[in-house]
Amino acid sequence: MALQIKITATPLKYLKSLDKPTRQRIIAKLQDIAENPTDARLSYPLTASDKRSSRIGSYRVLFSINDKVLEVADIGPRGQIYRKA
């Protein structure tokens, strides 16, 4: 059973600003994570938070899992994403 994917406004705006191949890779990875959210090959937990992180090339996606909903908190380049978390 797959989780529902909810992307908040800020990450959605950033996702739309990316080029099409990168956007498609991120969306495909989110769908894989929704199928199996705790798979260690797809994502890992952040130590100082209840969020998880997934690596997609040089981009990172931060998300949390709440009641059958995968809520995307942020999308961005590796060097900047963890400063917001």
Protein backbone atom coordinates (compact mmCIF):
# COMPACT_ATOMS: atom_id res chain seq x y z
CA MET A 1 0.00 0.00 0.00
CA ALA A 2 1.54 3.28 -1.12
CA LEU A 3 1.52 6.43 0.94
CA GLN A 4 -0.09 9.59 -0.39
CA ILE A 5 2.51 12.20 -1.39
CA LYS A 6 1.93 15.76 -0.17
CA ILE A 7 4.37 18.46 -1.30
CA THR A 8 4.12 21.78 0.52
CA ALA A 9 4.26 25.10 -1.33
CA THR A 10 7.97 25.96 -1.05
CA PRO A 11 9.33 22.58 -2.25
CA LEU A 12 6.70 22.49 -5.00
CA LYS A 13 7.84 25.88 -6.29
CA TYR A 14 11.47 24.73 -6.24
CA LEU A 15 10.56 21.45 -7.98
CA LYS A 16 8.80 23.34 -10.77
CA SER A 17 11.88 25.52 -11.28
CA LEU A 18 14.12 22.52 -12.02
CA ASP A 19 14.79 21.18 -15.50
CA LYS A 20 12.46 18.43 -16.71
CA PRO A 21 14.82 15.39 -16.40
CA THR A 22 15.77 16.32 -12.82
CA ARG A 23 12.13 16.96 -11.91
CA GLN A 24 11.14 13.56 -13.31
CA ARG A 25 13.94 11.81 -11.36
CA ILE A 26 12.81 13.44 -8.11
CA ILE A 27 9.15 12.55 -8.72
CA ALA A 28 10.07 8.95 -9.56
CA LYS A 29 12.13 8.67 -6.37
CA LEU A 30 9.25 10.08 -4.30
CA GLN A 31 6.95 7.45 -5.78
CA ASP A 32 9.46 4.71 -4.88
CA ILE A 33 9.68 6.06 -1.34
CA ALA A 34 5.88 6.14 -1.07
CA GLU A 35 5.84 2.42 -1.91
CA ASN A 36 8.45 1.53 0.74
CA PRO A 37 9.15 4.54 3.02
CA THR A 38 11.59 2.93 5.45
CA ASP A 39 13.81 1.15 2.90
CA ALA A 40 17.42 2.01 3.81
CA ARG A 41 18.38 2.13 0.12
CA LEU A 42 15.89 4.94 -0.55
CA SER A 43 16.14 7.19 2.51
CA TYR A 44 17.71 7.55 5.92
CA PRO A 45 16.59 9.22 9.17
CA LEU A 46 18.06 12.54 10.23
CA THR A 47 19.62 12.44 13.68
CA ALA A 48 18.33 15.73 15.10
CA SER A 49 14.79 15.48 13.73
CA ASP A 50 11.90 13.17 12.95
CA LYS A 51 12.44 13.80 9.24
CA ARG A 52 14.07 11.52 6.70
CA SER A 53 16.34 12.43 3.80
CA SER A 54 16.70 10.98 0.33
CA ARG A 55 19.56 11.54 -2.08
CA ILE A 56 18.82 12.17 -5.77
CA GLY A 57 22.06 13.12 -7.51
CA SER A 58 23.24 16.39 -5.98
CA TYR A 59 19.77 17.15 -4.61
CA ARG A 60 18.23 16.11 -1.30
CA VAL A 61 14.58 15.69 -0.37
CA LEU A 62 13.58 16.05 3.28
CA PHE A 63 10.29 14.47 4.27
CA SER A 64 8.31 13.05 7.16
CA ILE A 65 5.76 10.26 7.35
CA ASN A 66 2.48 11.00 9.13
CA ASP A 67 -0.60 8.75 9.02
CA LYS A 68 -0.21 7.28 5.51
CA VAL A 69 1.00 10.62 4.13
CA LEU A 70 4.53 11.28 2.91
CA GLU A 71 4.90 15.01 3.50
CA VAL A 72 7.77 16.63 1.58
CA ALA A 73 9.24 19.41 3.73
CA ASP A 74 12.04 20.63 1.47
CA ILE A 75 13.92 19.99 -1.77
CA GLY A 76 17.28 21.52 -2.56
CA PRO A 77 20.98 21.13 -3.27
CA ARG A 78 23.03 19.12 -0.79
CA GLY A 79 25.10 22.04 0.47
CA GLN A 80 22.13 24.15 1.53
CA ILE A 81 19.28 21.82 2.42
CA TYR A 82 20.42 20.82 5.92
CA ARG A 83 20.83 24.43 7.06
CA LYS A 84 17.03 24.79 6.96
CA ALA A 85 16.30 21.49 8.73
